[in-house]
């Protein structure tokens, strides 16, 4: 198959996948806006709870429609690449907690521990709930949260739904007709944009912040580009989207650190990784991965070899 036909088919598949994902997300978002029920939540709950499943379903239907028999790019045996497993499991939580720490150093008055949330958090993960709240407790909680984010395998598996679609399917399609850097950035932008209906209704950032909801949507796109570069790096390096799912799961668990504070006045800044300060460490590592092109993101040939079913 010549490159022109290669590019045409991969572009077609990428277009179908994106049409399905965005079609479902924005359709449900529009229904949530136009047809709110008495609680205003039922359709939005479908969007929120189904958000992880939509990408894998879109990938499945795209494969059926285009008769795509290429690899699914999934291998649960992540221990085969120990360095990548350590990177995926432990680095996201550390980066997020450090980012939150920088935020609280800059805004110490906002570190007002929500005791009930702390107790609920401890009980959720089987930890002692009757503890004294002090500086030592906060540090220990952060360390425990970091370890849980790295080792909570069920959450990692849950995120496979999104990662099978965005990194396991769309990214390889992009890699067949654009550079690794462009593919990583563009897939991150589109992934972030798919969150727009969620952000519009207050997910991640709440409401009432400056420029809501558009500033929140913009920052979510920035965050998704940054963490998406991490995920794309592992995918290109290993041809296995399970590492991306581990990064995704670890990120979501570590981001729960923000619920331990009563006061969150600046969601566009932090302490969550979706704020500018909160994502600062993730951003720096993303830039490093993106520019280190000699050993990272230079595996295009592998994807062509795995797309014989095109």
C-alpha atoms as a PDB file:
ATOM      1  CA  UNK A   1       0.000   0.000   0.000  1.00  0.00           C
ATOM      2  CA  UNK A   2       1.481   3.374  -0.992  1.00  0.00           C
ATOM      3  CA  UNK A   3       1.862   6.230   1.465  1.00  0.00           C
ATOM      4  CA  UNK A   4      -0.940   8.265  -0.132  1.00  0.00           C
ATOM      5  CA  UNK A   5      -3.456   5.483   0.467  1.00  0.00           C
ATOM      6  CA  UNK A   6      -1.985   4.905   3.937  1.00  0.00           C
ATOM      7  CA  UNK A   7      -2.559   8.552   4.802  1.00  0.00           C
ATOM      8  CA  UNK A   8      -6.064   8.637   3.331  1.00  0.00           C
ATOM      9  CA  UNK A   9      -7.260   5.616   5.300  1.00  0.00           C
ATOM     10  CA  UNK A  10      -5.694   6.746   8.576  1.00  0.00           C
ATOM     11  CA  UNK A  11      -7.178  10.239   8.171  1.00  0.00           C
ATOM     12  CA  UNK A  12     -10.569   8.722   7.420  1.00  0.00           C
ATOM     13  CA  UNK A  13     -10.416   6.534  10.524  1.00  0.00           C
ATOM     14  CA  UNK A  14      -9.274   9.409  12.699  1.00  0.00           C
ATOM     15  CA  UNK A  15     -12.152  11.513  11.359  1.00  0.00           C
ATOM     16  CA  UNK A  16     -14.747   8.831  12.064  1.00  0.00           C
ATOM     17  CA  UNK A  17     -13.410   8.234  15.568  1.00  0.00           C
ATOM     18  CA  UNK A  18     -13.455  11.944  16.402  1.00  0.00           C
ATOM     19  CA  UNK A  19     -16.923  12.410  14.915  1.00  0.00           C
ATOM     20  CA  UNK A  20     -18.268   9.636  17.125  1.00  0.00           C
ATOM     21  CA  UNK A  21     -16.607  10.848  20.347  1.00  0.00           C
ATOM     22  CA  UNK A  22     -17.425  14.528  19.880  1.00  0.00           C
ATOM     23  CA  UNK A  23     -20.868  13.736  18.526  1.00  0.00           C
ATOM     24  CA  UNK A  24     -21.858  11.813  21.644  1.00  0.00           C
ATOM     25  CA  UNK A  25     -20.214  14.165  24.163  1.00  0.00           C
ATOM     26  CA  UNK A  26     -21.556  17.382  22.685  1.00  0.00           C
ATOM     27  CA  UNK A  27     -24.982  15.907  21.956  1.00  0.00           C
ATOM     28  CA  UNK A  28     -25.368  14.873  25.599  1.00  0.00           C
ATOM     29  CA  UNK A  29     -24.016  18.249  26.675  1.00  0.00           C
ATOM     30  CA  UNK A  30     -26.582  20.012  24.497  1.00  0.00           C
ATOM     31  CA  UNK A  31     -29.388  17.863  25.902  1.00  0.00           C
ATOM     32  CA  UNK A  32     -28.218  18.648  29.434  1.00  0.00           C
ATOM     33  CA  UNK A  33     -28.505  22.339  28.589  1.00  0.00           C
ATOM     34  CA  UNK A  34     -31.834  22.199  26.745  1.00  0.00           C
ATOM     35  CA  UNK A  35     -33.680  19.537  28.742  1.00  0.00           C
ATOM     36  CA  UNK A  36     -32.740  19.809  32.412  1.00  0.00           C
ATOM     37  CA  UNK A  37     -34.935  17.684  34.669  1.00  0.00           C
ATOM     38  CA  UNK A  38     -36.011  18.660  38.164  1.00  0.00           C
ATOM     39  CA  UNK A  39     -32.539  17.926  39.481  1.00  0.00           C
ATOM     40  CA  UNK A  40     -30.794  19.097  36.318  1.00  0.00           C
ATOM     41  CA  UNK A  41     -28.463  16.131  36.528  1.00  0.00           C
ATOM     42  CA  UNK A  42     -29.800  12.985  34.834  1.00  0.00           C
ATOM     43  CA  UNK A  43     -28.476  13.566  31.296  1.00  0.00           C
ATOM     44  CA  UNK A  44     -25.277  15.105  32.637  1.00  0.00           C
ATOM     45  CA  UNK A  45     -24.756  12.001  34.779  1.00  0.00           C
ATOM     46  CA  UNK A  46     -24.942   9.888  31.636  1.00  0.00           C
ATOM     47  CA  UNK A  47     -22.291  12.125  30.071  1.00  0.00           C
ATOM     48  CA  UNK A  48     -20.079  12.058  33.155  1.00  0.00           C
ATOM     49  CA  UNK A  49     -20.349   8.339  33.871  1.00  0.00           C
ATOM     50  CA  UNK A  50     -20.121   7.335  30.229  1.00  0.00           C
ATOM     51  CA  UNK A  51     -17.225   9.628  29.396  1.00  0.00           C
ATOM     52  CA  UNK A  52     -14.640   6.903  29.967  1.00  0.00           C
ATOM     53  CA  UNK A  53     -16.529   4.414  27.803  1.00  0.00           C
ATOM     54  CA  UNK A  54     -17.235   6.636  24.793  1.00  0.00           C
ATOM     55  CA  UNK A  55     -13.655   6.565  23.377  1.00  0.00           C
ATOM     56  CA  UNK A  56     -13.316   2.778  23.416  1.00  0.00           C
ATOM     57  CA  UNK A  57     -16.777   2.409  21.860  1.00  0.00           C
ATOM     58  CA  UNK A  58     -15.851   4.966  19.199  1.00  0.00           C
ATOM     59  CA  UNK A  59     -12.680   3.015  18.442  1.00  0.00           C
ATOM     60  CA  UNK A  60     -14.656  -0.220  18.216  1.00  0.00           C
ATOM     61  CA  UNK A  61     -17.268   1.203  15.841  1.00  0.00           C
ATOM     62  CA  UNK A  62     -14.574   2.874  13.727  1.00  0.00           C
ATOM     63  CA  UNK A  63     -12.803  -0.454  13.354  1.00  0.00           C
ATOM     64  CA  UNK A  64     -16.057  -2.140  12.312  1.00  0.00           C
ATOM     65  CA  UNK A  65     -17.034   0.589   9.858  1.00  0.00           C
ATOM     66  CA  UNK A  66     -13.606   0.720   8.208  1.00  0.00           C
ATOM     67  CA  UNK A  67     -12.747  -2.986   8.529  1.00  0.00           C
ATOM     68  CA  UNK A  68      -9.652  -2.069  10.501  1.00  0.00           C
ATOM     69  CA  UNK A  69      -7.871  -5.194  11.752  1.00  0.00           C
ATOM     70  CA  UNK A  70      -4.775  -3.489  13.130  1.00  0.00           C
ATOM     71  CA  UNK A  71      -3.451  -4.141  16.627  1.00  0.00           C
ATOM     72  CA  UNK A  72      -5.400  -2.899  19.661  1.00  0.00           C
ATOM     73  CA  UNK A  73      -2.056  -1.935  21.235  1.00  0.00           C
ATOM     74  CA  UNK A  74      -2.921  -3.284  24.701  1.00  0.00           C
ATOM     75  CA  UNK A  75      -0.863  -5.554  26.913  1.00  0.00           C
ATOM     76  CA  UNK A  76      -1.697  -5.902  30.616  1.00  0.00           C
ATOM     77  CA  UNK A  77       1.760  -7.345  31.336  1.00  0.00           C
ATOM     78  CA  UNK A  78       3.161  -3.937  32.226  1.00  0.00           C
ATOM     79  CA  UNK A  79       5.838  -5.453  34.445  1.00  0.00           C
ATOM     80  CA  UNK A  80       7.726  -6.390  31.269  1.00  0.00           C
ATOM     81  CA  UNK A  81       9.002  -2.795  31.089  1.00  0.00           C
ATOM     82  CA  UNK A  82       9.837  -1.929  34.679  1.00  0.00           C
ATOM     83  CA  UNK A  83      11.237   1.523  33.923  1.00  0.00           C
ATOM     84  CA  UNK A  84       8.099   2.557  32.071  1.00  0.00           C
ATOM     85  CA  UNK A  85       5.916   1.090  34.804  1.00  0.00           C
ATOM     86  CA  UNK A  86       7.716   3.106  37.470  1.00  0.00           C
ATOM     87  CA  UNK A  87       7.490   6.234  35.332  1.00  0.00           C
ATOM     88  CA  UNK A  88       3.770   5.764  34.700  1.00  0.00           C
ATOM     89  CA  UNK A  89       2.773   4.769  38.219  1.00  0.00           C
ATOM     90  CA  UNK A  90       4.871   6.974  40.486  1.00  0.00           C
ATOM     91  CA  UNK A  91       5.784  10.149  38.604  1.00  0.00           C
ATOM     92  CA  UNK A  92       2.247  11.578  38.061  1.00  0.00           C
ATOM     93  CA  UNK A  93       1.356  11.549  41.760  1.00  0.00           C
ATOM     94  CA  UNK A  94       4.693  13.055  42.753  1.00  0.00           C
ATOM     95  CA  UNK A  95       4.350  15.834  40.161  1.00  0.00           C
ATOM     96  CA  UNK A  96       0.786  16.628  41.251  1.00  0.00           C
ATOM     97  CA  UNK A  97       1.562  16.690  44.972  1.00  0.00           C
ATOM     98  CA  UNK A  98       4.616  18.895  44.419  1.00  0.00           C
ATOM     99  CA  UNK A  99       2.497  21.230  42.281  1.00  0.00           C
ATOM    100  CA  UNK A 100      -0.127  21.398  45.038  1.00  0.00           C
ATOM    101  CA  UNK A 101       2.642  22.050  47.565  1.00  0.00           C
ATOM    102  CA  UNK A 102       3.919  24.993  45.505  1.00  0.00           C
ATOM    103  CA  UNK A 103       0.372  26.360  45.377  1.00  0.00           C
ATOM    104  CA  UNK A 104      -0.043  26.164  49.163  1.00  0.00           C
ATOM    105  CA  UNK A 105       3.359  27.764  49.738  1.00  0.00           C
ATOM    106  CA  UNK A 106       2.178  30.700  47.641  1.00  0.00           C
ATOM    107  CA  UNK A 107      -1.299  30.734  49.229  1.00  0.00           C
ATOM    108  CA  UNK A 108      -0.857  29.288  52.740  1.00  0.00           C
ATOM    109  CA  UNK A 109      -4.173  30.725  53.986  1.00  0.00           C
ATOM    110  CA  UNK A 110      -6.002  28.281  51.701  1.00  0.00           C
ATOM    111  CA  UNK A 111      -4.538  25.235  53.407  1.00  0.00           C
ATOM    112  CA  UNK A 112      -7.509  24.769  55.704  1.00  0.00           C
ATOM    113  CA  UNK A 113      -7.959  21.042  56.090  1.00  0.00           C
ATOM    114  CA  UNK A 114     -11.457  19.695  55.634  1.00  0.00           C
ATOM    115  CA  UNK A 115     -11.460  17.249  58.529  1.00  0.00           C
ATOM    116  CA  UNK A 116     -14.540  15.374  57.348  1.00  0.00           C
ATOM    117  CA  UNK A 117     -13.089  14.979  53.839  1.00  0.00           C
ATOM    118  CA  UNK A 118      -9.834  13.735  55.367  1.00  0.00           C
ATOM    119  CA  UNK A 119     -11.693  11.165  57.454  1.00  0.00           C
ATOM    120  CA  UNK A 120     -13.796  10.089  54.469  1.00  0.00           C
ATOM    121  CA  UNK A 121     -10.664   9.782  52.359  1.00  0.00           C
ATOM    122  CA  UNK A 122      -8.973   7.591  54.975  1.00  0.00           C
ATOM    123  CA  UNK A 123     -12.025   5.356  55.330  1.00  0.00           C
ATOM    124  CA  UNK A 124     -12.341   5.020  51.539  1.00  0.00           C
ATOM    125  CA  UNK A 125      -8.892   3.458  51.324  1.00  0.00           C
ATOM    126  CA  UNK A 126      -9.071   1.450  54.555  1.00  0.00           C
ATOM    127  CA  UNK A 127      -6.872   3.811  56.578  1.00  0.00           C
ATOM    128  CA  UNK A 128      -7.399   4.849  60.226  1.00  0.00           C
ATOM    129  CA  UNK A 129      -9.980   7.622  60.266  1.00  0.00           C
ATOM    130  CA  UNK A 130      -9.445   8.933  63.802  1.00  0.00           C
ATOM    131  CA  UNK A 131      -6.271  10.969  63.447  1.00  0.00           C
ATOM    132  CA  UNK A 132      -5.066  14.353  64.652  1.00  0.00           C
ATOM    133  CA  UNK A 133      -4.914  16.945  61.877  1.00  0.00           C
ATOM    134  CA  UNK A 134      -1.549  18.704  61.852  1.00  0.00           C
ATOM    135  CA  UNK A 135       1.365  19.370  59.519  1.00  0.00           C
ATOM    136  CA  UNK A 136       2.687  15.858  60.000  1.00  0.00           C
ATOM    137  CA  UNK A 137      -0.685  14.359  59.178  1.00  0.00           C
ATOM    138  CA  UNK A 138      -0.904  16.361  55.960  1.00  0.00           C
ATOM    139  CA  UNK A 139       2.553  15.211  54.855  1.00  0.00           C
ATOM    140  CA  UNK A 140       1.788  11.580  55.701  1.00  0.00           C
ATOM    141  CA  UNK A 141      -1.553  11.821  53.886  1.00  0.00           C
ATOM    142  CA  UNK A 142       0.210  13.197  50.811  1.00  0.00           C
ATOM    143  CA  UNK A 143       2.714  10.332  50.840  1.00  0.00           C
ATOM    144  CA  UNK A 144      -0.034   7.740  51.304  1.00  0.00           C
ATOM    145  CA  UNK A 145      -2.050   9.346  48.498  1.00  0.00           C
ATOM    146  CA  UNK A 146       1.010   9.216  46.254  1.00  0.00           C
ATOM    147  CA  UNK A 147       1.489   5.493  46.941  1.00  0.00           C
ATOM    148  CA  UNK A 148      -2.201   4.756  46.460  1.00  0.00           C
ATOM    149  CA  UNK A 149      -2.207   6.649  43.153  1.00  0.00           C
ATOM    150  CA  UNK A 150       0.653   4.469  41.945  1.00  0.00           C
ATOM    151  CA  UNK A 151      -0.667   1.122  43.140  1.00  0.00           C
ATOM    152  CA  UNK A 152      -4.457   1.336  42.778  1.00  0.00           C
ATOM    153  CA  UNK A 153      -4.733  -1.061  39.847  1.00  0.00           C
ATOM    154  CA  UNK A 154      -8.574  -1.057  39.573  1.00  0.00           C
ATOM    155  CA  UNK A 155      -8.526   2.690  38.835  1.00  0.00           C
ATOM    156  CA  UNK A 156      -5.793   2.202  36.249  1.00  0.00           C
ATOM    157  CA  UNK A 157      -7.874  -0.463  34.513  1.00  0.00           C
ATOM    158  CA  UNK A 158     -10.948   1.762  34.634  1.00  0.00           C
ATOM    159  CA  UNK A 159      -9.129   4.437  32.636  1.00  0.00           C
ATOM    160  CA  UNK A 160      -8.417   1.974  29.843  1.00  0.00           C
ATOM    161  CA  UNK A 161     -11.708   3.017  28.268  1.00  0.00           C
ATOM    162  CA  UNK A 162     -10.382   6.461  27.412  1.00  0.00           C
ATOM    163  CA  UNK A 163      -6.854   5.351  26.665  1.00  0.00           C
ATOM    164  CA  UNK A 164      -7.818   2.557  24.255  1.00  0.00           C
ATOM    165  CA  UNK A 165      -9.510   5.272  22.221  1.00  0.00           C
ATOM    166  CA  UNK A 166      -7.244   8.302  22.501  1.00  0.00           C
ATOM    167  CA  UNK A 167      -3.787   6.773  22.812  1.00  0.00           C
ATOM    168  CA  UNK A 168      -4.383   3.177  21.687  1.00  0.00           C
ATOM    169  CA  UNK A 169      -6.298   4.061  18.510  1.00  0.00           C
ATOM    170  CA  UNK A 170      -6.288   7.751  17.552  1.00  0.00           C
ATOM    171  CA  UNK A 171      -2.611   8.427  18.275  1.00  0.00           C
ATOM    172  CA  UNK A 172      -1.364   5.618  15.984  1.00  0.00           C
ATOM    173  CA  UNK A 173      -3.667   6.889  13.241  1.00  0.00           C
ATOM    174  CA  UNK A 174      -2.177  10.367  13.593  1.00  0.00           C
ATOM    175  CA  UNK A 175       1.343   8.938  13.580  1.00  0.00           C
ATOM    176  CA  UNK A 176       0.754   7.539  10.108  1.00  0.00           C
ATOM    177  CA  UNK A 177       0.464  11.010   8.564  1.00  0.00           C
ATOM    178  CA  UNK A 178       2.143  13.470  10.955  1.00  0.00           C
ATOM    179  CA  UNK A 179       5.197  13.755  13.196  1.00  0.00           C
ATOM    180  CA  UNK A 180       5.310  12.339  16.718  1.00  0.00           C
ATOM    181  CA  UNK A 181       5.324  15.804  18.287  1.00  0.00           C
ATOM    182  CA  UNK A 182       2.353  17.024  16.275  1.00  0.00           C
ATOM    183  CA  UNK A 183       0.454  13.805  16.975  1.00  0.00           C
ATOM    184  CA  UNK A 184       1.053  14.088  20.723  1.00  0.00           C
ATOM    185  CA  UNK A 185       0.009  17.742  20.855  1.00  0.00           C
ATOM    186  CA  UNK A 186      -3.000  17.452  18.530  1.00  0.00           C
ATOM    187  CA  UNK A 187      -4.370  14.353  20.256  1.00  0.00           C
ATOM    188  CA  UNK A 188      -3.993  16.185  23.593  1.00  0.00           C
ATOM    189  CA  UNK A 189      -5.854  19.243  22.282  1.00  0.00           C
ATOM    190  CA  UNK A 190      -8.715  17.127  20.965  1.00  0.00           C
ATOM    191  CA  UNK A 191      -8.870  15.040  24.132  1.00  0.00           C
ATOM    192  CA  UNK A 192      -9.058  18.224  26.201  1.00  0.00           C
ATOM    193  CA  UNK A 193     -11.717  19.709  23.936  1.00  0.00           C
ATOM    194  CA  UNK A 194     -13.871  16.618  24.399  1.00  0.00           C
ATOM    195  CA  UNK A 195     -14.080  17.606  28.090  1.00  0.00           C
ATOM    196  CA  UNK A 196     -15.733  20.929  27.187  1.00  0.00           C
ATOM    197  CA  UNK A 197     -19.318  19.827  27.941  1.00  0.00           C
ATOM    198  CA  UNK A 198     -18.208  18.570  31.362  1.00  0.00           C
ATOM    199  CA  UNK A 199     -16.340  21.774  32.181  1.00  0.00           C
ATOM    200  CA  UNK A 200     -19.298  23.872  31.014  1.00  0.00           C
ATOM    201  CA  UNK A 201     -21.431  22.310  33.741  1.00  0.00           C
ATOM    202  CA  UNK A 202     -18.832  22.834  36.475  1.00  0.00           C
ATOM    203  CA  UNK A 203     -16.762  19.665  36.367  1.00  0.00           C
ATOM    204  CA  UNK A 204     -13.195  20.117  37.711  1.00  0.00           C
ATOM    205  CA  UNK A 205     -13.406  23.901  38.165  1.00  0.00           C
ATOM    206  CA  UNK A 206     -16.842  24.501  39.640  1.00  0.00           C
ATOM    207  CA  UNK A 207     -18.427  27.796  38.649  1.00  0.00           C
ATOM    208  CA  UNK A 208     -18.070  31.496  39.426  1.00  0.00           C
ATOM    209  CA  UNK A 209     -14.372  31.660  38.544  1.00  0.00           C
ATOM    210  CA  UNK A 210     -12.932  34.299  36.220  1.00  0.00           C
ATOM    211  CA  UNK A 211     -14.056  33.797  32.636  1.00  0.00           C
ATOM    212  CA  UNK A 212     -16.147  30.719  33.428  1.00  0.00           C
ATOM    213  CA  UNK A 213     -16.618  28.365  31.732  1.00  0.00           C
ATOM    214  CA  UNK A 214     -14.296  29.296  28.849  1.00  0.00           C
ATOM    215  CA  UNK A 215     -11.132  29.786  30.881  1.00  0.00           C
ATOM    216  CA  UNK A 216     -11.766  26.408  32.489  1.00  0.00           C
ATOM    217  CA  UNK A 217     -12.197  24.766  29.090  1.00  0.00           C
ATOM    218  CA  UNK A 218      -8.971  26.375  27.866  1.00  0.00           C
ATOM    219  CA  UNK A 219      -6.973  25.243  30.897  1.00  0.00           C
ATOM    220  CA  UNK A 220      -8.385  21.735  30.645  1.00  0.00           C
ATOM    221  CA  UNK A 221      -7.095  21.615  27.066  1.00  0.00           C
ATOM    222  CA  UNK A 222      -3.675  22.820  28.243  1.00  0.00           C
ATOM    223  CA  UNK A 223      -3.621  20.191  30.985  1.00  0.00           C
ATOM    224  CA  UNK A 224      -4.674  17.433  28.593  1.00  0.00           C
ATOM    225  CA  UNK A 225      -1.921  18.423  26.167  1.00  0.00           C
ATOM    226  CA  UNK A 226       0.658  18.303  28.978  1.00  0.00           C
ATOM    227  CA  UNK A 227      -0.351  14.976  30.522  1.00  0.00           C
ATOM    228  CA  UNK A 228      -1.215  13.682  27.049  1.00  0.00           C
ATOM    229  CA  UNK A 229       2.442  14.131  26.073  1.00  0.00           C
ATOM    230  CA  UNK A 230       3.363  11.799  28.936  1.00  0.00           C
ATOM    231  CA  UNK A 231       0.820   9.270  27.726  1.00  0.00           C
ATOM    232  CA  UNK A 232       1.886   9.599  24.101  1.00  0.00           C
ATOM    233  CA  UNK A 233       5.507   9.123  25.132  1.00  0.00           C
ATOM    234  CA  UNK A 234       4.718   5.815  26.844  1.00  0.00           C
ATOM    235  CA  UNK A 235       2.537   4.694  23.940  1.00  0.00           C
ATOM    236  CA  UNK A 236       5.154   5.435  21.305  1.00  0.00           C
ATOM    237  CA  UNK A 237       7.889   3.954  23.456  1.00  0.00           C
ATOM    238  CA  UNK A 238       6.092   0.677  24.253  1.00  0.00           C
ATOM    239  CA  UNK A 239       3.212   0.319  21.766  1.00  0.00           C
ATOM    240  CA  UNK A 240       1.038  -0.418  24.822  1.00  0.00           C
ATOM    241  CA  UNK A 241      -1.712   1.972  25.944  1.00  0.00           C
ATOM    242  CA  UNK A 242      -1.880   0.320  29.371  1.00  0.00           C
ATOM    243  CA  UNK A 243       0.942   2.578  30.541  1.00  0.00           C
ATOM    244  CA  UNK A 244      -1.132   5.589  29.485  1.00  0.00           C
ATOM    245  CA  UNK A 245      -4.037   4.166  31.498  1.00  0.00           C
ATOM    246  CA  UNK A 246      -1.775   3.905  34.553  1.00  0.00           C
ATOM    247  CA  UNK A 247      -0.755   7.555  34.153  1.00  0.00           C
ATOM    248  CA  UNK A 248      -4.410   8.495  33.758  1.00  0.00           C
ATOM    249  CA  UNK A 249      -5.501   6.561  36.848  1.00  0.00           C
ATOM    250  CA  UNK A 250      -2.613   7.782  38.992  1.00  0.00           C
ATOM    251  CA  UNK A 251      -3.358  11.359  37.958  1.00  0.00           C
ATOM    252  CA  UNK A 252      -7.031  11.094  38.867  1.00  0.00           C
ATOM    253  CA  UNK A 253      -6.311   9.592  42.288  1.00  0.00           C
ATOM    254  CA  UNK A 254      -3.574  12.091  43.165  1.00  0.00           C
ATOM    255  CA  UNK A 255      -5.815  14.971  42.111  1.00  0.00           C
ATOM    256  CA  UNK A 256      -8.113  14.028  45.018  1.00  0.00           C
ATOM    257  CA  UNK A 257      -5.617  15.859  47.233  1.00  0.00           C
ATOM    258  CA  UNK A 258      -7.587  19.046  46.653  1.00  0.00           C
ATOM    259  CA  UNK A 259     -10.668  17.703  48.477  1.00  0.00           C
ATOM    260  CA  UNK A 260      -8.730  17.839  51.738  1.00  0.00           C
ATOM    261  CA  UNK A 261      -8.911  21.648  51.726  1.00  0.00           C
ATOM    262  CA  UNK A 262     -12.069  23.576  52.597  1.00  0.00           C
ATOM    263  CA  UNK A 263     -10.968  26.659  50.691  1.00  0.00           C
ATOM    264  CA  UNK A 264     -10.425  26.506  46.927  1.00  0.00           C
ATOM    265  CA  UNK A 265     -10.664  30.116  45.775  1.00  0.00           C
ATOM    266  CA  UNK A 266      -8.417  29.920  42.741  1.00  0.00           C
ATOM    267  CA  UNK A 267      -9.307  26.798  40.695  1.00  0.00           C
ATOM    268  CA  UNK A 268      -7.583  28.289  37.633  1.00  0.00           C
ATOM    269  CA  UNK A 269      -4.311  28.281  39.580  1.00  0.00           C
ATOM    270  CA  UNK A 270      -4.610  25.170  41.762  1.00  0.00           C
ATOM    271  CA  UNK A 271      -4.142  23.214  43.917  1.00  0.00           C
ATOM    272  CA  UNK A 272      -5.500  20.627  41.465  1.00  0.00           C
ATOM    273  CA  UNK A 273      -3.303  19.729  38.451  1.00  0.00           C
ATOM    274  CA  UNK A 274      -5.889  21.358  36.190  1.00  0.00           C
ATOM    275  CA  UNK A 275      -4.752  24.762  37.505  1.00  0.00           C
ATOM    276  CA  UNK A 276      -1.731  26.669  36.213  1.00  0.00           C
ATOM    277  CA  UNK A 277       0.378  26.245  39.364  1.00  0.00           C
ATOM    278  CA  UNK A 278      -0.940  22.771  40.077  1.00  0.00           C
ATOM    279  CA  UNK A 279       0.161  21.528  36.650  1.00  0.00           C
ATOM    280  CA  UNK A 280       3.521  23.345  36.677  1.00  0.00           C
ATOM    281  CA  UNK A 281       5.665  20.258  37.337  1.00  0.00           C
ATOM    282  CA  UNK A 282       3.706  18.209  34.796  1.00  0.00           C
ATOM    283  CA  UNK A 283       4.255  20.991  32.256  1.00  0.00           C
ATOM    284  CA  UNK A 284       8.030  21.042  32.801  1.00  0.00           C
ATOM    285  CA  UNK A 285       8.308  17.279  32.396  1.00  0.00           C
ATOM    286  CA  UNK A 286       6.109  17.434  29.285  1.00  0.00           C
ATOM    287  CA  UNK A 287       8.436  19.971  27.692  1.00  0.00           C
ATOM    288  CA  UNK A 288      11.421  17.767  28.527  1.00  0.00           C
ATOM    289  CA  UNK A 289       9.790  14.704  26.945  1.00  0.00           C
ATOM    290  CA  UNK A 290       8.749  16.647  23.881  1.00  0.00           C
ATOM    291  CA  UNK A 291      12.181  18.095  23.109  1.00  0.00           C
ATOM    292  CA  UNK A 292      14.159  14.949  23.893  1.00  0.00           C
ATOM    293  CA  UNK A 293      13.439  13.622  20.411  1.00  0.00           C
ATOM    294  CA  UNK A 294      16.507  11.419  19.912  1.00  0.00           C
ATOM    295  CA  UNK A 295      15.377   8.828  22.451  1.00  0.00           C
ATOM    296  CA  UNK A 296      11.703   9.701  22.820  1.00  0.00           C
ATOM    297  CA  UNK A 297       8.877   9.802  20.293  1.00  0.00           C
ATOM    298  CA  UNK A 298      10.909   8.406  17.428  1.00  0.00           C
ATOM    299  CA  UNK A 299       9.200   5.084  16.769  1.00  0.00           C
ATOM    300  CA  UNK A 300       6.997   5.780  13.764  1.00  0.00           C
ATOM    301  CA  UNK A 301       8.102   2.715  11.848  1.00  0.00           C
ATOM    302  CA  UNK A 302       6.695   0.442  14.522  1.00  0.00           C
ATOM    303  CA  UNK A 303       3.192   1.752  13.864  1.00  0.00           C
ATOM    304  CA  UNK A 304       3.397   1.183  10.141  1.00  0.00           C
ATOM    305  CA  UNK A 305       4.450  -2.371  10.866  1.00  0.00           C
ATOM    306  CA  UNK A 306       1.456  -2.890  13.140  1.00  0.00           C
ATOM    307  CA  UNK A 307      -1.082  -1.544  10.651  1.00  0.00           C
ATOM    308  CA  UNK A 308      -0.942  -4.274   8.077  1.00  0.00           C
ATOM    309  CA  UNK A 309      -4.701  -4.538   8.499  1.00  0.00           C
ATOM    310  CA  UNK A 310      -5.200  -1.130   6.913  1.00  0.00           C
END
